[in-house]
Amino acid sequence: MVVREVSANANAINWNSREKDASDGAAVSLFRHVSDFTMRSYLRIPSSHYASDAARAMLDSKSKEAIVCTISENPIGIVTEHDLLDRVLASGRDPRSTRIIEVMSMPIETVDENSGIGKALLKMADLQIKRLAVTRQGRIVGLITRASLATSSAAASH
């Protein structure tokens, strides 16, 4: 199975500390950049793989999502724990014969890394989603989630 953990820079972030802590000790400011909260390591999985492959890879990497890519590594969607539960298991589909491409969410919603966190939060609220791919010059460099923002906010308030 070709499943990779990707890091946007040479220093991969440890899965046990995926969220970037707020460094100034203050509550998360809506004017801080998305890049301050971006998880640079994320899971990528080929679109030809099955739901069971994605579930195993997500479990092994302790990830709640994976970017779905074509054979040429182009990102085409995202699959989440919720997608697997709702669109596969709860729907009575066989995870061993259901391809990820059949249940992934698409298109991948994005936000530029230099955007303010307020813009990202508004986009997530407007689209009723929990995560966005973070881009630099049109290429995905990481992910931002409502959970990572909440974790950063909680860490900053202590």
Protein backbone atom coordinates (compact mmCIF):
# COMPACT_ATOMS: atom_id res chain seq x y z
CA MET A 1 0.00 0.00 0.00
CA VAL A 2 1.45 3.37 -1.00
CA VAL A 3 0.43 5.74 1.76
CA ARG A 4 2.71 8.59 2.72
CA GLU A 5 2.99 11.10 5.47
CA VAL A 6 4.04 14.34 3.82
CA SER A 7 5.94 17.20 5.32
CA ALA A 8 6.12 20.59 3.62
CA ASN A 9 9.60 21.22 4.98
CA ALA A 10 12.65 19.24 5.93
CA ASN A 11 11.68 19.16 9.61
CA ALA A 12 8.66 16.87 9.82
CA ILE A 13 6.32 17.62 12.68
CA ASN A 14 5.89 14.80 15.17
CA TRP A 15 2.36 13.37 15.04
CA ASN A 16 2.15 13.70 18.83
CA SER A 17 2.57 17.48 18.57
CA ARG A 18 0.80 18.31 15.30
CA GLU A 19 -0.76 21.53 16.52
CA LYS A 20 1.43 24.58 16.65
CA ASP A 21 1.17 26.35 20.01
CA ALA A 22 0.49 30.06 20.25
CA SER A 23 3.81 31.59 21.24
CA ASP A 24 2.76 34.86 22.82
CA GLY A 25 0.58 33.43 25.61
CA ALA A 26 -2.48 35.39 24.42
CA ALA A 27 -5.76 34.11 23.03
CA VAL A 28 -5.81 33.27 19.33
CA SER A 29 -6.09 36.51 17.39
CA LEU A 30 -8.28 36.54 14.29
CA PHE A 31 -5.60 38.65 12.62
CA ARG A 32 -2.82 36.08 12.95
CA HIS A 33 -1.88 34.25 9.79
CA VAL A 34 -3.18 30.83 8.90
CA SER A 35 0.46 29.72 8.63
CA ASP A 36 0.80 30.15 12.42
CA PHE A 37 -1.65 27.27 12.95
CA THR A 38 -0.96 25.04 9.96
CA MET A 39 -0.28 21.34 10.47
CA ARG A 40 2.60 20.82 8.04
CA SER A 41 2.48 17.02 8.19
CA TYR A 42 -0.53 15.36 6.68
CA LEU A 43 -1.56 12.04 5.26
CA ARG A 44 -1.94 11.47 1.50
CA ILE A 45 -3.61 8.41 0.03
CA PRO A 46 -4.09 7.33 -3.61
CA SER A 47 -7.63 7.62 -4.99
CA SER A 48 -7.48 3.99 -6.14
CA HIS A 49 -7.31 2.68 -2.57
CA TYR A 50 -10.24 1.30 -0.63
CA ALA A 51 -11.99 2.76 2.40
CA SER A 52 -10.44 0.04 4.57
CA ASP A 53 -6.95 1.14 3.40
CA ALA A 54 -7.71 4.75 4.29
CA ALA A 55 -9.12 3.79 7.68
CA ARG A 56 -6.02 1.73 8.51
CA ALA A 57 -3.64 4.49 7.36
CA MET A 58 -5.55 7.12 9.33
CA LEU A 59 -5.56 4.94 12.44
CA ASP A 60 -1.85 4.16 12.12
CA SER A 61 -0.93 7.84 11.70
CA LYS A 62 -3.45 9.09 14.30
CA SER A 63 -4.97 11.34 11.64
CA LYS A 64 -8.61 12.30 11.27
CA GLU A 65 -8.26 13.08 7.56
CA ALA A 66 -6.25 12.29 4.44
CA ILE A 67 -5.75 14.17 1.19
CA VAL A 68 -6.78 11.95 -1.73
CA CYS A 69 -4.42 12.10 -4.73
CA THR A 70 -4.31 10.82 -8.28
CA ILE A 71 -1.60 8.43 -9.39
CA SER A 72 0.41 11.48 -10.49
CA GLU A 73 0.17 12.89 -6.91
CA ASN A 74 -2.37 15.63 -7.76
CA PRO A 75 -4.72 16.28 -4.83
CA ILE A 76 -8.36 15.77 -5.83
CA GLY A 77 -10.28 15.42 -2.55
CA ILE A 78 -10.20 14.79 1.15
CA VAL A 79 -11.52 11.87 3.17
CA THR A 80 -12.32 12.19 6.86
CA GLU A 81 -13.34 9.91 9.70
CA HIS A 82 -16.87 11.23 9.24
CA ASP A 83 -16.84 10.35 5.52
CA LEU A 84 -15.83 6.78 6.34
CA LEU A 85 -18.44 6.40 9.07
CA ASP A 86 -21.32 8.09 7.24
CA ARG A 87 -20.72 7.24 3.58
CA VAL A 88 -19.35 3.74 4.06
CA LEU A 89 -20.24 2.04 7.35
CA ALA A 90 -23.59 3.68 8.14
CA SER A 91 -24.63 3.27 4.51
CA GLY A 92 -23.95 -0.47 4.64
CA ARG A 93 -21.14 -0.40 2.08
CA ASP A 94 -18.23 -2.83 2.26
CA PRO A 95 -15.06 -0.88 3.20
CA ARG A 96 -12.95 -3.50 1.40
CA SER A 97 -14.68 -2.89 -1.94
CA THR A 98 -15.55 0.82 -1.68
CA ARG A 99 -12.92 3.03 -3.28
CA ILE A 100 -11.94 6.25 -1.55
CA ILE A 101 -12.77 8.25 -4.67
CA GLU A 102 -16.42 7.18 -4.21
CA VAL A 103 -16.72 8.65 -0.71
CA MET A 104 -14.25 11.52 -0.52
CA SER A 105 -15.31 15.15 -0.28
CA MET A 106 -14.41 17.36 -3.20
CA PRO A 107 -13.27 19.83 -4.19
CA ILE A 108 -10.65 20.42 -1.52
CA GLU A 109 -11.47 23.74 0.10
CA THR A 110 -8.38 25.88 0.56
CA VAL A 111 -7.07 29.02 2.19
CA ASP A 112 -3.78 30.80 1.48
CA GLU A 113 -1.22 30.55 4.28
CA ASN A 114 -0.93 34.36 4.44
CA SER A 115 -4.66 34.84 5.03
CA GLY A 116 -5.88 35.90 8.44
CA ILE A 117 -7.27 33.21 10.72
CA GLY A 118 -10.59 35.07 10.72
CA LYS A 119 -10.94 34.44 6.98
CA ALA A 120 -10.30 30.72 7.49
CA LEU A 121 -12.84 30.51 10.31
CA LEU A 122 -15.46 32.35 8.24
CA LYS A 123 -14.89 30.03 5.30
CA MET A 124 -15.22 26.95 7.51
CA ALA A 125 -18.41 28.34 9.04
CA ASP A 126 -19.91 29.34 5.68
CA LEU A 127 -19.19 25.93 4.16
CA GLN A 128 -19.99 24.05 7.38
CA ILE A 129 -16.67 22.19 7.30
CA LYS A 130 -14.03 21.48 9.93
CA ARG A 131 -10.81 21.68 7.93
CA LEU A 132 -9.14 23.54 5.08
CA ALA A 133 -6.09 22.76 3.00
CA VAL A 134 -3.50 25.51 3.37
CA THR A 135 -1.85 26.64 0.16
CA ARG A 136 1.25 28.53 -0.89
CA GLN A 137 1.28 29.66 -4.53
CA GLY A 138 -1.57 27.25 -5.27
CA ARG A 139 0.10 24.14 -3.79
CA ILE A 140 -1.04 22.43 -0.60
CA VAL A 141 1.48 22.89 2.21
CA GLY A 142 -0.61 21.68 5.14
CA LEU A 143 -4.00 21.62 6.84
CA ILE A 144 -5.80 23.77 9.35
CA THR A 145 -8.67 22.46 11.46
CA ARG A 146 -11.13 23.94 13.91
CA ALA A 147 -9.74 21.47 16.46
CA SER A 148 -6.17 22.73 15.99
CA LEU A 149 -7.38 26.29 16.47
CA ALA A 150 -9.26 25.33 19.63
CA THR A 151 -6.19 23.48 20.94
CA SER A 152 -3.97 26.50 20.23
CA SER A 153 -6.48 28.82 21.87
CA ALA A 154 -6.71 26.60 24.97
CA ALA A 155 -2.91 26.35 25.21
CA ALA A 156 -2.59 30.11 24.90
CA SER A 157 -5.07 30.77 27.71
CA HIS A 158 -3.15 28.68 30.29
